[in-house]
Amino acid sequence: MRRYDFPRHVMAMGLAALAGFIDALGFLKLGGLFVSFMSGNSTRLAVGLASGTSVALTAAGLIGAFVGGVLAGALLARAAGQWRKQAVLGLVTLLLGVGGMLTVMGHAGNGLTLLMAAAMGAVNNVFQRNGEVSIGVTYMTGALVKLGQALAAALTGGPRLGWLPYLLLWLGLMTGAVAGAALFPVMDLRALWIACAFSALLLAWSVRMGPLPMASRLA
């Protein structure tokens, strides 16, 4: 993450905040399952299979929707080329907008969380290096590991502030999650309209950044 410039740092923190916001909504709606954190859902799937409870089916559906979103986002990113970020964010904004429309139509049940999981899968295609995810914006385990490693480096003569981008990324997700948790009791999944608007702002920011350089394999 330290290789990126300031606009991309802002983008990454914004996407982490978006993921935290949506994951908090999904977690509260589903009573303990996630729409972006698939490690947690995988554990719940395994426990559900072992205990024979229906949570296994819900967890499996969320994992499938997430992977489907990653697949759709990856194919779109490949087709969009230099405009990968804008195309993927357009897809995410569209999915969240459809979710918001469904809430207006009265469809705010747990099934809507599958759409949220697909959006969270797709958004992981925004930051890529050599065709693979370079910044995971919907899960923080990797960022926290790098935070600890960067702190160790700073204490042993390495870059003094190399840990800061990872801390800010984690704080972005935490800020979004707090906002989602605070709004859920008031708005339920109608809060997806706020997520859609924020995603549209990130899309506008990516348009301002412009396309990727022809020769760039980063970003």
Protein backbone atom coordinates (compact mmCIF):
# COMPACT_ATOMS: atom_id res chain seq x y z
CA MET A 1 0.00 0.00 0.00
CA ARG A 2 2.94 2.33 0.62
CA ARG A 3 3.66 2.37 -3.13
CA TYR A 4 0.46 4.25 -3.89
CA ASP A 5 0.00 8.00 -4.14
CA PHE A 6 -2.32 10.15 -2.04
CA PRO A 7 -5.44 9.87 -4.30
CA ARG A 8 -5.19 6.08 -4.19
CA HIS A 9 -4.73 6.11 -0.43
CA VAL A 10 -7.93 8.15 -0.17
CA MET A 11 -9.66 5.67 -2.48
CA ALA A 12 -8.52 2.67 -0.43
CA MET A 13 -9.64 4.20 2.87
CA GLY A 14 -12.98 5.18 1.33
CA LEU A 15 -13.55 1.66 0.03
CA ALA A 16 -12.65 0.20 3.43
CA ALA A 17 -15.18 2.53 5.04
CA LEU A 18 -17.80 1.45 2.50
CA ALA A 19 -17.06 -2.21 3.23
CA GLY A 20 -17.29 -1.64 6.98
CA PHE A 21 -20.61 0.18 6.60
CA ILE A 22 -22.17 -2.55 4.47
CA ASP A 23 -20.74 -5.39 6.55
CA ALA A 24 -22.20 -3.88 9.73
CA LEU A 25 -25.62 -3.67 8.07
CA GLY A 26 -25.39 -7.29 6.92
CA PHE A 27 -24.09 -8.53 10.25
CA LEU A 28 -26.97 -6.95 12.14
CA LYS A 29 -29.55 -8.10 9.60
CA LEU A 30 -28.30 -11.67 9.58
CA GLY A 31 -27.64 -11.91 13.30
CA GLY A 32 -23.97 -12.80 13.14
CA LEU A 33 -23.08 -13.56 9.51
CA PHE A 34 -21.12 -11.31 7.19
CA VAL A 35 -21.46 -9.90 3.68
CA SER A 36 -17.75 -9.11 3.20
CA PHE A 37 -15.79 -11.20 5.73
CA MET A 38 -15.80 -14.66 4.17
CA SER A 39 -13.36 -16.22 6.63
CA GLY A 40 -15.97 -15.73 9.33
CA ASN A 41 -18.69 -17.14 7.09
CA SER A 42 -16.52 -20.16 6.26
CA THR A 43 -16.17 -20.91 9.96
CA ARG A 44 -19.91 -20.51 10.44
CA LEU A 45 -20.49 -22.81 7.46
CA ALA A 46 -18.23 -25.48 8.96
CA VAL A 47 -19.85 -25.22 12.39
CA GLY A 48 -23.31 -25.33 10.80
CA LEU A 49 -22.42 -28.45 8.84
CA ALA A 50 -21.05 -30.14 11.93
CA SER A 51 -24.07 -29.25 14.05
CA GLY A 52 -26.68 -29.69 11.33
CA THR A 53 -28.11 -26.16 11.67
CA SER A 54 -29.60 -24.00 8.93
CA VAL A 55 -26.89 -21.37 9.34
CA ALA A 56 -24.76 -23.50 7.02
CA LEU A 57 -27.10 -22.85 4.08
CA THR A 58 -27.13 -19.10 4.69
CA ALA A 59 -23.35 -18.96 5.04
CA ALA A 60 -22.89 -20.99 1.85
CA GLY A 61 -25.22 -18.65 -0.04
CA LEU A 62 -23.26 -15.60 1.09
CA ILE A 63 -19.95 -17.18 0.11
CA GLY A 64 -21.34 -18.09 -3.30
CA ALA A 65 -22.69 -14.57 -3.85
CA PHE A 66 -19.36 -13.05 -2.81
CA VAL A 67 -17.38 -15.28 -5.20
CA GLY A 68 -19.89 -14.48 -7.95
CA GLY A 69 -19.31 -10.79 -7.34
CA VAL A 70 -15.54 -11.26 -7.51
CA LEU A 71 -15.96 -13.15 -10.78
CA ALA A 72 -18.18 -10.49 -12.34
CA GLY A 73 -15.90 -7.69 -11.17
CA ALA A 74 -12.77 -9.45 -12.46
CA LEU A 75 -14.28 -10.05 -15.90
CA LEU A 76 -15.43 -6.44 -16.09
CA ALA A 77 -12.00 -5.20 -14.95
CA ARG A 78 -10.31 -7.20 -17.69
CA ALA A 79 -12.67 -5.79 -20.31
CA ALA A 80 -12.30 -2.20 -19.08
CA GLY A 81 -8.51 -2.10 -19.26
CA GLN A 82 -7.19 1.31 -18.19
CA TRP A 83 -10.62 2.24 -16.85
CA ARG A 84 -10.75 -0.76 -14.51
CA LYS A 85 -11.33 1.22 -11.33
CA GLN A 86 -14.19 3.22 -12.79
CA ALA A 87 -15.86 0.17 -14.32
CA VAL A 88 -15.70 -1.88 -11.12
CA LEU A 89 -16.94 1.01 -8.99
CA GLY A 90 -19.75 1.54 -11.49
CA LEU A 91 -20.78 -2.10 -11.00
CA VAL A 92 -20.62 -1.79 -7.20
CA THR A 93 -22.69 1.40 -7.27
CA LEU A 94 -25.24 -0.28 -9.54
CA LEU A 95 -25.58 -3.31 -7.24
CA LEU A 96 -26.04 -1.10 -4.18
CA GLY A 97 -28.54 1.04 -6.07
CA VAL A 98 -30.55 -2.05 -6.99
CA GLY A 99 -30.46 -3.03 -3.33
CA GLY A 100 -31.77 0.39 -2.36
CA MET A 101 -34.59 0.10 -4.90
CA LEU A 102 -35.56 -3.29 -3.51
CA THR A 103 -35.91 -1.79 -0.04
CA VAL A 104 -38.23 0.88 -1.47
CA MET A 105 -40.31 -1.91 -2.99
CA GLY A 106 -40.56 -3.59 0.39
CA HIS A 107 -37.94 -6.29 -0.14
CA ALA A 108 -35.70 -5.82 2.89
CA GLY A 109 -35.41 -9.45 3.97
CA ASN A 110 -32.25 -11.47 4.46
CA GLY A 111 -32.16 -12.36 0.76
CA LEU A 112 -31.07 -8.81 -0.02
CA THR A 113 -27.81 -9.54 1.78
CA LEU A 114 -26.79 -11.78 -1.14
CA LEU A 115 -26.73 -8.68 -3.35
CA MET A 116 -24.66 -6.89 -0.73
CA ALA A 117 -22.19 -9.79 -0.64
CA ALA A 118 -21.89 -9.71 -4.43
CA ALA A 119 -21.09 -5.99 -4.30
CA MET A 120 -18.43 -6.60 -1.68
CA GLY A 121 -16.91 -9.34 -3.78
CA ALA A 122 -16.78 -7.10 -6.84
CA VAL A 123 -15.15 -4.17 -5.04
CA ASN A 124 -12.02 -6.22 -4.36
CA ASN A 125 -11.13 -5.83 -8.05
CA VAL A 126 -10.49 -2.09 -7.73
CA PHE A 127 -6.87 -2.49 -6.56
CA GLN A 128 -4.90 -5.07 -8.50
CA ARG A 129 -1.27 -5.87 -9.25
CA ASN A 130 -0.47 -8.38 -11.97
CA GLY A 131 -4.09 -9.52 -11.99
CA GLU A 132 -4.27 -10.15 -8.23
CA VAL A 133 -5.66 -8.10 -5.35
CA SER A 134 -3.04 -5.63 -4.08
CA ILE A 135 -5.15 -4.01 -1.34
CA GLY A 136 -7.87 -6.01 0.35
CA VAL A 137 -10.51 -3.44 1.24
CA THR A 138 -13.18 -5.78 2.65
CA TYR A 139 -11.00 -7.67 5.13
CA MET A 140 -8.37 -6.36 7.53
CA THR A 141 -6.34 -9.38 8.66
CA GLY A 142 -3.65 -8.75 6.05
CA ALA A 143 -3.57 -5.02 6.81
CA LEU A 144 -3.18 -5.68 10.54
CA VAL A 145 -0.36 -8.15 9.91
CA LYS A 146 1.42 -5.55 7.76
CA LEU A 147 0.75 -2.92 10.44
CA GLY A 148 2.53 -5.05 13.01
CA GLN A 149 5.41 -5.79 10.63
CA ALA A 150 5.78 -2.10 9.73
CA LEU A 151 5.81 -1.17 13.43
CA ALA A 152 8.59 -3.70 13.99
CA ALA A 153 10.51 -2.22 11.05
CA ALA A 154 10.07 1.31 12.42
CA LEU A 155 11.45 0.20 15.79
CA THR A 156 14.52 -1.36 14.16
CA GLY A 157 15.59 1.46 11.86
CA GLY A 158 13.09 1.12 9.01
CA PRO A 159 10.64 3.74 7.69
CA ARG A 160 9.32 5.65 10.69
CA LEU A 161 5.79 6.04 9.33
CA GLY A 162 5.51 2.94 7.18
CA TRP A 163 2.79 1.62 9.47
CA LEU A 164 0.49 4.62 9.06
CA PRO A 165 -1.28 3.62 5.79
CA TYR A 166 -2.30 0.26 7.26
CA LEU A 167 -3.62 1.89 10.43
CA LEU A 168 -5.64 4.37 8.37
CA LEU A 169 -7.06 1.55 6.26
CA TRP A 170 -8.22 -0.27 9.40
CA LEU A 171 -9.63 2.93 10.86
CA GLY A 172 -11.54 3.49 7.60
CA LEU A 173 -13.27 0.14 7.94
CA MET A 174 -13.96 0.76 11.63
CA THR A 175 -15.46 4.19 10.93
CA GLY A 176 -17.75 2.79 8.27
CA ALA A 177 -18.81 -0.09 10.52
CA VAL A 178 -19.66 2.25 13.40
CA ALA A 179 -21.77 4.39 11.03
CA GLY A 180 -23.58 1.33 9.66
CA ALA A 181 -24.27 -0.04 13.14
CA ALA A 182 -25.60 3.35 14.28
CA LEU A 183 -27.94 3.73 11.29
CA PHE A 184 -29.29 0.18 11.15
CA PRO A 185 -31.75 0.56 14.07
CA VAL A 186 -33.20 3.64 12.37
CA MET A 187 -33.12 2.71 8.68
CA ASP A 188 -32.64 -1.08 8.50
CA LEU A 189 -31.35 -1.96 5.01
CA ARG A 190 -32.71 1.30 3.61
CA ALA A 191 -29.30 2.57 4.72
CA LEU A 192 -28.07 1.00 1.46
CA TRP A 193 -29.06 4.30 -0.17
CA ILE A 194 -26.32 5.97 1.87
CA ALA A 195 -23.86 3.30 0.81
CA CYS A 196 -24.90 3.78 -2.82
CA ALA A 197 -24.36 7.54 -2.58
CA PHE A 198 -20.94 7.07 -0.98
CA SER A 199 -19.99 4.54 -3.67
CA ALA A 200 -21.03 7.08 -6.30
CA LEU A 201 -18.72 9.64 -4.65
CA LEU A 202 -15.85 7.14 -4.82
CA LEU A 203 -16.70 6.54 -8.48
CA ALA A 204 -16.51 10.29 -9.12
CA TRP A 205 -13.15 10.40 -7.30
CA SER A 206 -11.86 7.58 -9.53
CA VAL A 207 -13.00 9.46 -12.65
CA ARG A 208 -11.09 12.49 -11.39
CA MET A 209 -8.01 10.27 -11.01
CA GLY A 210 -8.33 9.28 -14.66
CA PRO A 211 -7.38 6.03 -16.41
CA LEU A 212 -4.42 3.89 -15.47
CA PRO A 213 -1.19 4.56 -17.41
CA MET A 214 -0.74 2.25 -20.36
CA ALA A 215 2.42 0.67 -19.00
CA SER A 216 1.35 0.57 -15.37
CA ARG A 217 0.90 -2.83 -13.74
CA LEU A 218 0.03 -1.24 -10.41
CA ALA A 219 -3.04 0.47 -8.87
